[in-house]
Amino acid sequence: STALYMGGIVMLVALLWGLFANILI
């Protein structure tokens, strides 16, 4: 569960950044 939640949080941050940055470009 620890690995899943930590991985999920990192992926959420990366996902939001990726969507925001690509849309901005």
PDB file of all heavy atoms in Angstrom:
ATOM      1  N   SER A   1       0.829  -1.209   0.000  1.00  0.00           N
ATOM      2  CA  SER A   1       0.000   0.000   0.000  1.00  0.00           C
ATOM      3  C   SER A   1       0.863   1.258   0.000  1.00  0.00           C
ATOM      4  O   SER A   1       0.538   2.249  -0.664  1.00  0.00           O
ATOM      5  CB  SER A   1      -0.927   0.003   1.217  1.00  0.00           C
ATOM      6  OG  SER A   1      -1.805  -1.099   1.177  1.00  0.00           O
ATOM      7  N   THR A   2       1.987   1.209   0.715  1.00  0.00           N
ATOM      8  CA  THR A   2       2.882   2.382   0.774  1.00  0.00           C
ATOM      9  C   THR A   2       3.435   2.707  -0.610  1.00  0.00           C
ATOM     10  O   THR A   2       3.433   3.865  -1.038  1.00  0.00           O
ATOM     11  CB  THR A   2       4.046   2.112   1.748  1.00  0.00           C
ATOM     12  OG1 THR A   2       3.530   1.806   3.040  1.00  0.00           O
ATOM     13  CG2 THR A   2       4.961   3.330   1.826  1.00  0.00           C
ATOM     14  N   ALA A   3       3.905   1.673  -1.303  1.00  0.00           N
ATOM     15  CA  ALA A   3       4.460   1.883  -2.636  1.00  0.00           C
ATOM     16  C   ALA A   3       3.392   2.407  -3.594  1.00  0.00           C
ATOM     17  O   ALA A   3       3.654   3.300  -4.418  1.00  0.00           O
ATOM     18  CB  ALA A   3       5.054   0.586  -3.168  1.00  0.00           C
ATOM     19  N   LEU A   4       2.170   1.870  -3.477  1.00  0.00           N
ATOM     20  CA  LEU A   4       1.099   2.292  -4.370  1.00  0.00           C
ATOM     21  C   LEU A   4       0.718   3.745  -4.146  1.00  0.00           C
ATOM     22  O   LEU A   4       0.573   4.514  -5.104  1.00  0.00           O
ATOM     23  CB  LEU A   4      -0.128   1.388  -4.175  1.00  0.00           C
ATOM     24  CG  LEU A   4      -0.010  -0.038  -4.713  1.00  0.00           C
ATOM     25  CD1 LEU A   4      -1.275  -0.826  -4.407  1.00  0.00           C
ATOM     26  CD2 LEU A   4       0.243  -0.027  -6.212  1.00  0.00           C
ATOM     27  N   TYR A   5       0.555   4.136  -2.888  1.00  0.00           N
ATOM     28  CA  TYR A   5       0.141   5.517  -2.614  1.00  0.00           C
ATOM     29  C   TYR A   5       1.249   6.513  -2.952  1.00  0.00           C
ATOM     30  O   TYR A   5       0.981   7.588  -3.505  1.00  0.00           O
ATOM     31  CB  TYR A   5      -0.290   5.670  -1.158  1.00  0.00           C
ATOM     32  CG  TYR A   5      -1.659   5.105  -0.888  1.00  0.00           C
ATOM     33  CD1 TYR A   5      -1.842   4.070   0.016  1.00  0.00           C
ATOM     34  CD2 TYR A   5      -2.783   5.597  -1.560  1.00  0.00           C
ATOM     35  CE1 TYR A   5      -3.110   3.535   0.254  1.00  0.00           C
ATOM     36  CE2 TYR A   5      -4.051   5.076  -1.329  1.00  0.00           C
ATOM     37  CZ  TYR A   5      -4.198   4.038  -0.423  1.00  0.00           C
ATOM     38  OH  TYR A   5      -5.444   3.515  -0.198  1.00  0.00           O
ATOM     39  N   MET A   6       2.483   6.172  -2.639  1.00  0.00           N
ATOM     40  CA  MET A   6       3.589   7.064  -2.992  1.00  0.00           C
ATOM     41  C   MET A   6       3.727   7.178  -4.505  1.00  0.00           C
ATOM     42  O   MET A   6       3.895   8.274  -5.053  1.00  0.00           O
ATOM     43  CB  MET A   6       4.902   6.554  -2.381  1.00  0.00           C
ATOM     44  CG  MET A   6       4.986   6.699  -0.872  1.00  0.00           C
ATOM     45  SD  MET A   6       6.566   6.115  -0.204  1.00  0.00           S
ATOM     46  CE  MET A   6       7.707   7.246  -0.993  1.00  0.00           C
ATOM     47  N   GLY A   7       3.642   6.037  -5.196  1.00  0.00           N
ATOM     48  CA  GLY A   7       3.705   6.061  -6.651  1.00  0.00           C
ATOM     49  C   GLY A   7       2.542   6.823  -7.261  1.00  0.00           C
ATOM     50  O   GLY A   7       2.708   7.579  -8.226  1.00  0.00           O
ATOM     51  N   GLY A   8       1.342   6.644  -6.680  1.00  0.00           N
ATOM     52  CA  GLY A   8       0.162   7.347  -7.182  1.00  0.00           C
ATOM     53  C   GLY A   8       0.283   8.859  -7.031  1.00  0.00           C
ATOM     54  O   GLY A   8      -0.093   9.614  -7.934  1.00  0.00           O
ATOM     55  N   ILE A   9       0.819   9.300  -5.901  1.00  0.00           N
ATOM     56  CA  ILE A   9       0.971  10.742  -5.658  1.00  0.00           C
ATOM     57  C   ILE A   9       1.983  11.351  -6.633  1.00  0.00           C
ATOM     58  O   ILE A   9       1.747  12.412  -7.224  1.00  0.00           O
ATOM     59  CB  ILE A   9       1.395  11.000  -4.193  1.00  0.00           C
ATOM     60  CG1 ILE A   9       0.249  10.646  -3.244  1.00  0.00           C
ATOM     61  CG2 ILE A   9       1.818  12.461  -4.007  1.00  0.00           C
ATOM     62  CD1 ILE A   9       0.630  10.683  -1.785  1.00  0.00           C
ATOM     63  N   VAL A  10       3.122  10.664  -6.811  1.00  0.00           N
ATOM     64  CA  VAL A  10       4.137  11.162  -7.750  1.00  0.00           C
ATOM     65  C   VAL A  10       3.572  11.206  -9.168  1.00  0.00           C
ATOM     66  O   VAL A  10       3.776  12.179  -9.913  1.00  0.00           O
ATOM     67  CB  VAL A  10       5.401  10.287  -7.696  1.00  0.00           C
ATOM     68  CG1 VAL A  10       6.394  10.717  -8.777  1.00  0.00           C
ATOM     69  CG2 VAL A  10       6.056  10.373  -6.324  1.00  0.00           C
ATOM     70  N   MET A  11       2.829  10.162  -9.544  1.00  0.00           N
ATOM     71  CA  MET A  11       2.249  10.129 -10.886  1.00  0.00           C
ATOM     72  C   MET A  11       1.192  11.209 -11.066  1.00  0.00           C
ATOM     73  O   MET A  11       1.051  11.769 -12.152  1.00  0.00           O
ATOM     74  CB  MET A  11       1.641   8.752 -11.156  1.00  0.00           C
ATOM     75  CG  MET A  11       2.669   7.669 -11.398  1.00  0.00           C
ATOM     76  SD  MET A  11       1.959   6.161 -12.111  1.00  0.00           S
ATOM     77  CE  MET A  11       1.528   6.732 -13.748  1.00  0.00           C
ATOM     78  N   LEU A  12       0.449  11.510  -9.990  1.00  0.00           N
ATOM     79  CA  LEU A  12      -0.561  12.574 -10.066  1.00  0.00           C
ATOM     80  C   LEU A  12       0.098  13.922 -10.325  1.00  0.00           C
ATOM     81  O   LEU A  12      -0.352  14.691 -11.189  1.00  0.00           O
ATOM     82  CB  LEU A  12      -1.371  12.614  -8.776  1.00  0.00           C
ATOM     83  CG  LEU A  12      -2.414  13.743  -8.660  1.00  0.00           C
ATOM     84  CD1 LEU A  12      -3.451  13.643  -9.780  1.00  0.00           C
ATOM     85  CD2 LEU A  12      -3.086  13.721  -7.297  1.00  0.00           C
ATOM     86  N   VAL A  13       1.176  14.210  -9.589  1.00  0.00           N
ATOM     87  CA  VAL A  13       1.900  15.470  -9.791  1.00  0.00           C
ATOM     88  C   VAL A  13       2.471  15.541 -11.206  1.00  0.00           C
ATOM     89  O   VAL A  13       2.349  16.560 -11.902  1.00  0.00           O
ATOM     90  CB  VAL A  13       3.026  15.614  -8.746  1.00  0.00           C
ATOM     91  CG1 VAL A  13       3.875  16.846  -9.043  1.00  0.00           C
ATOM     92  CG2 VAL A  13       2.448  15.689  -7.340  1.00  0.00           C
ATOM     93  N   ALA A  14       3.083  14.438 -11.646  1.00  0.00           N
ATOM     94  CA  ALA A  14       3.661  14.401 -12.993  1.00  0.00           C
ATOM     95  C   ALA A  14       2.579  14.542 -14.057  1.00  0.00           C
ATOM     96  O   ALA A  14       2.766  15.229 -15.069  1.00  0.00           O
ATOM     97  CB  ALA A  14       4.437  13.102 -13.197  1.00  0.00           C
ATOM     98  N   LEU A  15       1.425  13.903 -13.829  1.00  0.00           N
ATOM     99  CA  LEU A  15       0.321  13.972 -14.790  1.00  0.00           C
ATOM    100  C   LEU A  15      -0.199  15.400 -14.925  1.00  0.00           C
ATOM    101  O   LEU A  15      -0.391  15.911 -16.039  1.00  0.00           O
ATOM    102  CB  LEU A  15      -0.809  13.044 -14.349  1.00  0.00           C
ATOM    103  CG  LEU A  15      -2.091  13.076 -15.186  1.00  0.00           C
ATOM    104  CD1 LEU A  15      -1.827  12.553 -16.590  1.00  0.00           C
ATOM    105  CD2 LEU A  15      -3.187  12.244 -14.513  1.00  0.00           C
ATOM    106  N   LEU A  16      -0.408  16.066 -13.790  1.00  0.00           N
ATOM    107  CA  LEU A  16      -0.907  17.445 -13.828  1.00  0.00           C
ATOM    108  C   LEU A  16       0.093  18.366 -14.504  1.00  0.00           C
ATOM    109  O   LEU A  16      -0.287  19.243 -15.291  1.00  0.00           O
ATOM    110  CB  LEU A  16      -1.209  17.921 -12.403  1.00  0.00           C
ATOM    111  CG  LEU A  16      -2.368  17.206 -11.686  1.00  0.00           C
ATOM    112  CD1 LEU A  16      -2.499  17.708 -10.246  1.00  0.00           C
ATOM    113  CD2 LEU A  16      -3.674  17.408 -12.437  1.00  0.00           C
ATOM    114  N   TRP A  17       1.374  18.180 -14.178  1.00  0.00           N
ATOM    115  CA  TRP A  17       2.400  18.998 -14.830  1.00  0.00           C
ATOM    116  C   TRP A  17       2.425  18.746 -16.331  1.00  0.00           C
ATOM    117  O   TRP A  17       2.476  19.692 -17.127  1.00  0.00           O
ATOM    118  CB  TRP A  17       3.774  18.710 -14.227  1.00  0.00           C
ATOM    119  CG  TRP A  17       4.888  19.027 -15.184  1.00  0.00           C
ATOM    120  CD1 TRP A  17       5.651  18.140 -15.897  1.00  0.00           C
ATOM    121  CD2 TRP A  17       5.343  20.322 -15.593  1.00  0.00           C
ATOM    122  NE1 TRP A  17       6.551  18.783 -16.705  1.00  0.00           N
ATOM    123  CE2 TRP A  17       6.378  20.132 -16.544  1.00  0.00           C
ATOM    124  CE3 TRP A  17       4.972  21.620 -15.247  1.00  0.00           C
ATOM    125  CZ2 TRP A  17       7.043  21.195 -17.139  1.00  0.00           C
ATOM    126  CZ3 TRP A  17       5.642  22.682 -15.851  1.00  0.00           C
ATOM    127  CH2 TRP A  17       6.663  22.467 -16.772  1.00  0.00           C
ATOM    128  N   GLY A  18       2.414  17.476 -16.725  1.00  0.00           N
ATOM    129  CA  GLY A  18       2.496  17.146 -18.141  1.00  0.00           C
ATOM    130  C   GLY A  18       1.333  17.713 -18.938  1.00  0.00           C
ATOM    131  O   GLY A  18       1.526  18.272 -20.018  1.00  0.00           O
ATOM    132  N   LEU A  19       0.117  17.576 -18.404  1.00  0.00           N
ATOM    133  CA  LEU A  19      -1.056  18.112 -19.088  1.00  0.00           C
ATOM    134  C   LEU A  19      -0.989  19.635 -19.165  1.00  0.00           C
ATOM    135  O   LEU A  19      -1.233  20.232 -20.221  1.00  0.00           O
ATOM    136  CB  LEU A  19      -2.336  17.672 -18.377  1.00  0.00           C
ATOM    137  CG  LEU A  19      -2.687  16.180 -18.471  1.00  0.00           C
ATOM    138  CD1 LEU A  19      -3.891  15.865 -17.586  1.00  0.00           C
ATOM    139  CD2 LEU A  19      -2.963  15.779 -19.911  1.00  0.00           C
ATOM    140  N   PHE A  20      -0.646  20.257 -18.036  1.00  0.00           N
ATOM    141  CA  PHE A  20      -0.567  21.722 -18.004  1.00  0.00           C
ATOM    142  C   PHE A  20       0.479  22.246 -18.979  1.00  0.00           C
ATOM    143  O   PHE A  20       0.219  23.162 -19.775  1.00  0.00           O
ATOM    144  CB  PHE A  20      -0.231  22.183 -16.586  1.00  0.00           C
ATOM    145  CG  PHE A  20       0.207  23.625 -16.509  1.00  0.00           C
ATOM    146  CD1 PHE A  20      -0.726  24.648 -16.582  1.00  0.00           C
ATOM    147  CD2 PHE A  20       1.551  23.949 -16.364  1.00  0.00           C
ATOM    148  CE1 PHE A  20      -0.323  25.980 -16.523  1.00  0.00           C
ATOM    149  CE2 PHE A  20       1.965  25.265 -16.299  1.00  0.00           C
ATOM    150  CZ  PHE A  20       1.020  26.286 -16.384  1.00  0.00           C
ATOM    151  N   ALA A  21       1.680  21.663 -18.959  1.00  0.00           N
ATOM    152  CA  ALA A  21       2.780  22.161 -19.782  1.00  0.00           C
ATOM    153  C   ALA A  21       2.505  21.947 -21.269  1.00  0.00           C
ATOM    154  O   ALA A  21       2.756  22.836 -22.088  1.00  0.00           O
ATOM    155  CB  ALA A  21       4.081  21.470 -19.374  1.00  0.00           C
ATOM    156  N   ASN A  22       1.968  20.780 -21.633  1.00  0.00           N
ATOM    157  CA  ASN A  22       1.673  20.529 -23.049  1.00  0.00           C
ATOM    158  C   ASN A  22       0.557  21.435 -23.557  1.00  0.00           C
ATOM    159  O   ASN A  22       0.621  21.943 -24.674  1.00  0.00           O
ATOM    160  CB  ASN A  22       1.287  19.060 -23.250  1.00  0.00           C
ATOM    161  CG  ASN A  22       2.481  18.139 -23.358  1.00  0.00           C
ATOM    162  OD1 ASN A  22       3.198  18.145 -24.348  1.00  0.00           O
ATOM    163  ND2 ASN A  22       2.705  17.349 -22.312  1.00  0.00           N
ATOM    164  N   ILE A  23      -0.468  21.639 -22.734  1.00  0.00           N
ATOM    165  CA  ILE A  23      -1.559  22.539 -23.119  1.00  0.00           C
ATOM    166  C   ILE A  23      -1.045  23.971 -23.243  1.00  0.00           C
ATOM    167  O   ILE A  23      -1.446  24.721 -24.142  1.00  0.00           O
ATOM    168  CB  ILE A  23      -2.727  22.451 -22.117  1.00  0.00           C
ATOM    169  CG1 ILE A  23      -3.399  21.067 -22.219  1.00  0.00           C
ATOM    170  CG2 ILE A  23      -3.758  23.539 -22.373  1.00  0.00           C
ATOM    171  CD1 ILE A  23      -4.443  20.810 -21.164  1.00  0.00           C
ATOM    172  N   LEU A  24      -0.145  24.356 -22.343  1.00  0.00           N
ATOM    173  CA  LEU A  24       0.449  25.698 -22.403  1.00  0.00           C
ATOM    174  C   LEU A  24       1.229  25.885 -23.704  1.00  0.00           C
ATOM    175  O   LEU A  24       1.093  26.920 -24.370  1.00  0.00           O
ATOM    176  CB  LEU A  24       1.374  25.911 -21.208  1.00  0.00           C
ATOM    177  CG  LEU A  24       2.151  27.238 -21.179  1.00  0.00           C
ATOM    178  CD1 LEU A  24       1.179  28.417 -21.084  1.00  0.00           C
ATOM    179  CD2 LEU A  24       3.143  27.258 -20.018  1.00  0.00           C
ATOM    180  N   ILE A  25       2.035  24.882 -24.077  1.00  0.00           N
ATOM    181  CA  ILE A  25       2.789  24.967 -25.333  1.00  0.00           C
ATOM    182  C   ILE A  25       1.840  25.097 -26.515  1.00  0.00           C
ATOM    183  O   ILE A  25       2.049  25.923 -27.427  1.00  0.00           O
ATOM    184  CB  ILE A  25       3.686  23.726 -25.509  1.00  0.00           C
ATOM    185  CG1 ILE A  25       4.726  23.624 -24.397  1.00  0.00           C
ATOM    186  CG2 ILE A  25       4.363  23.745 -26.879  1.00  0.00           C
ATOM    187  CD1 ILE A  25       5.783  24.674 -24.409  1.00  0.00           C
TER     188      ILE A  25
END
